[in-house]
Amino acid sequence: MKGDWRRDRIGSALRGENPMVLAKMKSGFAVIGDTQFLPGYCLLLAYPRVESLNRLSLERRRDFLFDMSLIGDAVEQVCRPIRVNYSIYGNRDPFLHAHIFPRYDWEPEELKMHPVWRYPDEKWTDRRYQYNEEKHGELRKRLKEALLDGMKRAYRR
């Protein structure tokens, strides 16, 4: 991987150096998540960079939330989860980004009904769950294709 793209995920996406990018969207960049313990986890990184959803104009908010839903559509199509969860926080990374999490029937019962943040730290940090091109490359390719197809249909309007 070229450089340390994780230090500036949006800048590296703009330079074509962020390997996690699925697509450039109206409101930012769709990326596959660094961790894949829930296969298909993606994010939307807002561009231009802002602190929060409320710092966007109403039109840009609509674009961001609509783009977030298009990523969810791609995740549903490819991964066939029982539902998709969306969350926006910005507590750790101080720029607007949305998490798109597929939720599955095979998840532990005690975690199914709660936010994914209740999963133990090892799910977020253990190498076994980190994105790996060999292991997750086909999933990434299918998500990208589904997202690009959905964007073509949605942006045509």
C-alpha atoms as a PDB file:
ATOM      1  CA  MET A   1       0.000   0.000   0.000  1.00  0.00           C
ATOM      2  CA  LYS A   2       1.258   3.395  -0.913  1.00  0.00           C
ATOM      3  CA  GLY A   3       2.073   5.611   2.069  1.00  0.00           C
ATOM      4  CA  ASP A   4       0.141   5.562   5.299  1.00  0.00           C
ATOM      5  CA  TRP A   5      -3.310   6.225   3.874  1.00  0.00           C
ATOM      6  CA  ARG A   6      -4.976   5.626   7.270  1.00  0.00           C
ATOM      7  CA  ARG A   7      -3.593   8.921   8.630  1.00  0.00           C
ATOM      8  CA  ASP A   8      -5.694  10.860   6.131  1.00  0.00           C
ATOM      9  CA  ARG A   9      -8.395   8.599   4.742  1.00  0.00           C
ATOM     10  CA  ILE A  10     -10.121  11.347   2.765  1.00  0.00           C
ATOM     11  CA  GLY A  11      -6.927  12.906   1.388  1.00  0.00           C
ATOM     12  CA  SER A  12      -5.633   9.484   0.384  1.00  0.00           C
ATOM     13  CA  ALA A  13      -8.987   8.743  -1.304  1.00  0.00           C
ATOM     14  CA  LEU A  14      -8.689  11.989  -3.276  1.00  0.00           C
ATOM     15  CA  ARG A  15      -5.160  11.009  -4.349  1.00  0.00           C
ATOM     16  CA  GLY A  16      -6.278   7.499  -5.329  1.00  0.00           C
ATOM     17  CA  GLU A  17      -4.137   5.954  -2.570  1.00  0.00           C
ATOM     18  CA  ASN A  18      -6.847   4.648  -0.228  1.00  0.00           C
ATOM     19  CA  PRO A  19      -7.268   0.954  -1.122  1.00  0.00           C
ATOM     20  CA  MET A  20     -10.567   0.706   0.740  1.00  0.00           C
ATOM     21  CA  VAL A  21     -12.468   3.048  -1.588  1.00  0.00           C
ATOM     22  CA  LEU A  22     -15.419   1.475  -3.361  1.00  0.00           C
ATOM     23  CA  ALA A  23     -16.660   4.611  -5.136  1.00  0.00           C
ATOM     24  CA  LYS A  24     -16.661   8.392  -5.172  1.00  0.00           C
ATOM     25  CA  MET A  25     -20.225   9.476  -4.471  1.00  0.00           C
ATOM     26  CA  LYS A  26     -21.974  12.851  -4.554  1.00  0.00           C
ATOM     27  CA  SER A  27     -21.305  13.410  -0.856  1.00  0.00           C
ATOM     28  CA  GLY A  28     -17.986  11.664  -0.328  1.00  0.00           C
ATOM     29  CA  PHE A  29     -16.298   8.290  -0.549  1.00  0.00           C
ATOM     30  CA  ALA A  30     -17.819   4.861   0.037  1.00  0.00           C
ATOM     31  CA  VAL A  31     -15.227   2.560   1.623  1.00  0.00           C
ATOM     32  CA  ILE A  32     -15.194  -0.993   2.883  1.00  0.00           C
ATOM     33  CA  GLY A  33     -14.493  -1.218   6.611  1.00  0.00           C
ATOM     34  CA  ASP A  34     -11.088  -2.011   8.062  1.00  0.00           C
ATOM     35  CA  THR A  35     -12.665  -4.832  10.026  1.00  0.00           C
ATOM     36  CA  GLN A  36     -14.967  -7.431   8.519  1.00  0.00           C
ATOM     37  CA  PHE A  37     -16.252  -9.500  11.439  1.00  0.00           C
ATOM     38  CA  LEU A  38     -19.655  -8.518  10.055  1.00  0.00           C
ATOM     39  CA  PRO A  39     -18.971  -9.121   6.354  1.00  0.00           C
ATOM     40  CA  GLY A  40     -19.906  -6.138   4.239  1.00  0.00           C
ATOM     41  CA  TYR A  41     -19.297  -3.425   6.847  1.00  0.00           C
ATOM     42  CA  CYS A  42     -18.819  -0.147   4.970  1.00  0.00           C
ATOM     43  CA  LEU A  43     -18.534   3.563   5.666  1.00  0.00           C
ATOM     44  CA  LEU A  44     -19.296   6.819   3.925  1.00  0.00           C
ATOM     45  CA  LEU A  45     -16.624   9.488   4.419  1.00  0.00           C
ATOM     46  CA  ALA A  46     -18.011  12.978   3.781  1.00  0.00           C
ATOM     47  CA  TYR A  47     -16.194  15.170   1.278  1.00  0.00           C
ATOM     48  CA  PRO A  48     -15.585  18.006   1.552  1.00  0.00           C
ATOM     49  CA  ARG A  49     -14.640  17.300   5.157  1.00  0.00           C
ATOM     50  CA  VAL A  50     -16.995  18.718   7.791  1.00  0.00           C
ATOM     51  CA  GLU A  51     -17.342  18.134  11.522  1.00  0.00           C
ATOM     52  CA  SER A  52     -20.933  16.915  11.554  1.00  0.00           C
ATOM     53  CA  LEU A  53     -24.086  16.394   9.555  1.00  0.00           C
ATOM     54  CA  ASN A  54     -25.441  19.655  10.942  1.00  0.00           C
ATOM     55  CA  ARG A  55     -22.583  21.605   9.360  1.00  0.00           C
ATOM     56  CA  LEU A  56     -23.844  20.689   5.877  1.00  0.00           C
ATOM     57  CA  SER A  57     -26.389  22.646   3.881  1.00  0.00           C
ATOM     58  CA  LEU A  58     -29.792  20.992   3.613  1.00  0.00           C
ATOM     59  CA  GLU A  59     -29.022  19.867   0.056  1.00  0.00           C
ATOM     60  CA  ARG A  60     -25.679  18.326   1.087  1.00  0.00           C
ATOM     61  CA  ARG A  61     -27.372  16.591   4.040  1.00  0.00           C
ATOM     62  CA  ARG A  62     -29.871  15.014   1.653  1.00  0.00           C
ATOM     63  CA  ASP A  63     -27.021  13.874  -0.590  1.00  0.00           C
ATOM     64  CA  PHE A  64     -25.080  12.396   2.335  1.00  0.00           C
ATOM     65  CA  LEU A  65     -28.019  10.504   3.801  1.00  0.00           C
ATOM     66  CA  PHE A  66     -29.151   9.319   0.373  1.00  0.00           C
ATOM     67  CA  ASP A  67     -25.637   8.115  -0.488  1.00  0.00           C
ATOM     68  CA  MET A  68     -25.519   6.316   2.861  1.00  0.00           C
ATOM     69  CA  SER A  69     -28.720   4.497   1.919  1.00  0.00           C
ATOM     70  CA  LEU A  70     -27.279   3.526  -1.491  1.00  0.00           C
ATOM     71  CA  ILE A  71     -24.368   1.856   0.283  1.00  0.00           C
ATOM     72  CA  GLY A  72     -26.924   0.043   2.448  1.00  0.00           C
ATOM     73  CA  ASP A  73     -28.720  -1.132  -0.690  1.00  0.00           C
ATOM     74  CA  ALA A  74     -25.455  -2.572  -2.050  1.00  0.00           C
ATOM     75  CA  VAL A  75     -24.727  -4.295   1.279  1.00  0.00           C
ATOM     76  CA  GLU A  76     -28.234  -5.803   1.308  1.00  0.00           C
ATOM     77  CA  GLN A  77     -27.932  -6.996  -2.272  1.00  0.00           C
ATOM     78  CA  VAL A  78     -24.509  -8.601  -1.860  1.00  0.00           C
ATOM     79  CA  CYS A  79     -24.523  -9.824   1.749  1.00  0.00           C
ATOM     80  CA  ARG A  80     -28.203 -10.651   2.319  1.00  0.00           C
ATOM     81  CA  PRO A  81     -28.238  -9.631   6.002  1.00  0.00           C
ATOM     82  CA  ILE A  82     -31.441  -9.635   8.031  1.00  0.00           C
ATOM     83  CA  ARG A  83     -31.099  -5.832   8.322  1.00  0.00           C
ATOM     84  CA  VAL A  84     -28.664  -2.968   7.879  1.00  0.00           C
ATOM     85  CA  ASN A  85     -27.796  -0.605  10.727  1.00  0.00           C
ATOM     86  CA  TYR A  86     -26.657   2.964  10.107  1.00  0.00           C
ATOM     87  CA  SER A  87     -24.786   5.095  12.612  1.00  0.00           C
ATOM     88  CA  ILE A  88     -23.094   8.479  12.702  1.00  0.00           C
ATOM     89  CA  TYR A  89     -20.961   9.449  15.693  1.00  0.00           C
ATOM     90  CA  GLY A  90     -17.754  11.381  15.062  1.00  0.00           C
ATOM     91  CA  ASN A  91     -16.514  10.934  18.627  1.00  0.00           C
ATOM     92  CA  ARG A  92     -13.148   9.394  17.770  1.00  0.00           C
ATOM     93  CA  ASP A  93     -12.629  10.639  14.225  1.00  0.00           C
ATOM     94  CA  PRO A  94     -13.722  14.298  14.224  1.00  0.00           C
ATOM     95  CA  PHE A  95     -15.135  14.373  10.710  1.00  0.00           C
ATOM     96  CA  LEU A  96     -18.487  13.337   9.322  1.00  0.00           C
ATOM     97  CA  HIS A  97     -18.656   9.673   8.423  1.00  0.00           C
ATOM     98  CA  ALA A  98     -21.403   7.077   8.571  1.00  0.00           C
ATOM     99  CA  HIS A  99     -21.080   3.416   9.489  1.00  0.00           C
ATOM    100  CA  ILE A 100     -23.153   0.916   7.526  1.00  0.00           C
ATOM    101  CA  PHE A 101     -23.332  -2.437   9.311  1.00  0.00           C
ATOM    102  CA  PRO A 102     -25.041  -5.565   8.008  1.00  0.00           C
ATOM    103  CA  ARG A 103     -26.627  -7.590  10.793  1.00  0.00           C
ATOM    104  CA  TYR A 104     -26.969 -11.351  10.526  1.00  0.00           C
ATOM    105  CA  ASP A 105     -29.078 -14.105  12.046  1.00  0.00           C
ATOM    106  CA  TRP A 106     -25.888 -16.018  12.940  1.00  0.00           C
ATOM    107  CA  GLU A 107     -24.714 -13.314  15.364  1.00  0.00           C
ATOM    108  CA  PRO A 108     -24.677 -14.248  19.063  1.00  0.00           C
ATOM    109  CA  GLU A 109     -28.147 -13.809  20.569  1.00  0.00           C
ATOM    110  CA  GLU A 110     -26.836 -11.530  23.315  1.00  0.00           C
ATOM    111  CA  LEU A 111     -25.465  -9.109  20.674  1.00  0.00           C
ATOM    112  CA  LYS A 112     -28.141  -9.236  17.965  1.00  0.00           C
ATOM    113  CA  MET A 113     -30.424  -6.675  19.532  1.00  0.00           C
ATOM    114  CA  HIS A 114     -27.686  -4.197  20.464  1.00  0.00           C
ATOM    115  CA  PRO A 115     -25.418  -1.775  18.606  1.00  0.00           C
ATOM    116  CA  VAL A 116     -22.316  -3.381  17.111  1.00  0.00           C
ATOM    117  CA  TRP A 117     -20.164  -1.366  19.495  1.00  0.00           C
ATOM    118  CA  ARG A 118     -21.036  -3.955  22.147  1.00  0.00           C
ATOM    119  CA  TYR A 119     -18.868  -6.509  20.363  1.00  0.00           C
ATOM    120  CA  PRO A 120     -15.631  -7.220  22.257  1.00  0.00           C
ATOM    121  CA  ASP A 121     -12.507  -5.225  21.379  1.00  0.00           C
ATOM    122  CA  GLU A 122     -10.881  -8.243  19.714  1.00  0.00           C
ATOM    123  CA  LYS A 123     -13.482  -8.135  16.915  1.00  0.00           C
ATOM    124  CA  TRP A 124     -12.253  -4.631  16.059  1.00  0.00           C
ATOM    125  CA  THR A 125      -8.519  -5.252  16.460  1.00  0.00           C
ATOM    126  CA  ASP A 126      -7.687  -8.944  15.922  1.00  0.00           C
ATOM    127  CA  ARG A 127      -5.940  -9.624  12.597  1.00  0.00           C
ATOM    128  CA  ARG A 128      -8.402 -12.425  11.841  1.00  0.00           C
ATOM    129  CA  TYR A 129     -11.150  -9.859  11.328  1.00  0.00           C
ATOM    130  CA  GLN A 130      -9.153  -7.156   9.551  1.00  0.00           C
ATOM    131  CA  TYR A 131      -9.783  -6.510   5.882  1.00  0.00           C
ATOM    132  CA  ASN A 132      -7.502  -8.665   3.781  1.00  0.00           C
ATOM    133  CA  GLU A 133      -7.562  -8.490  -0.012  1.00  0.00           C
ATOM    134  CA  GLU A 134      -7.068 -12.237  -0.375  1.00  0.00           C
ATOM    135  CA  LYS A 135      -9.862 -13.024   2.039  1.00  0.00           C
ATOM    136  CA  HIS A 136     -12.266 -10.129   1.296  1.00  0.00           C
ATOM    137  CA  GLY A 137     -11.310  -9.006  -2.208  1.00  0.00           C
ATOM    138  CA  GLU A 138     -14.221 -10.754  -3.897  1.00  0.00           C
ATOM    139  CA  LEU A 139     -16.672  -9.267  -1.392  1.00  0.00           C
ATOM    140  CA  ARG A 140     -15.189  -5.812  -2.019  1.00  0.00           C
ATOM    141  CA  LYS A 141     -15.502  -6.297  -5.788  1.00  0.00           C
ATOM    142  CA  ARG A 142     -19.151  -7.356  -5.532  1.00  0.00           C
ATOM    143  CA  LEU A 143     -20.003  -4.459  -3.196  1.00  0.00           C
ATOM    144  CA  LYS A 144     -18.360  -2.018  -5.584  1.00  0.00           C
ATOM    145  CA  GLU A 145     -20.264  -3.387  -8.588  1.00  0.00           C
ATOM    146  CA  ALA A 146     -23.595  -3.297  -6.742  1.00  0.00           C
ATOM    147  CA  LEU A 147     -22.918   0.226  -5.490  1.00  0.00           C
ATOM    148  CA  LEU A 148     -21.911   1.560  -8.910  1.00  0.00           C
ATOM    149  CA  ASP A 149     -25.018  -0.014 -10.437  1.00  0.00           C
ATOM    150  CA  GLY A 150     -27.224   1.508  -7.740  1.00  0.00           C
ATOM    151  CA  MET A 151     -25.594   4.912  -8.195  1.00  0.00           C
ATOM    152  CA  LYS A 152     -26.242   4.810 -11.954  1.00  0.00           C
ATOM    153  CA  ARG A 153     -29.918   4.141 -11.376  1.00  0.00           C
ATOM    154  CA  ALA A 154     -30.309   6.641  -8.519  1.00  0.00           C
ATOM    155  CA  TYR A 155     -28.352   9.540 -10.018  1.00  0.00           C
ATOM    156  CA  ARG A 156     -30.153   9.243 -13.376  1.00  0.00           C
ATOM    157  CA  ARG A 157     -33.276  10.829 -11.923  1.00  0.00           C
END
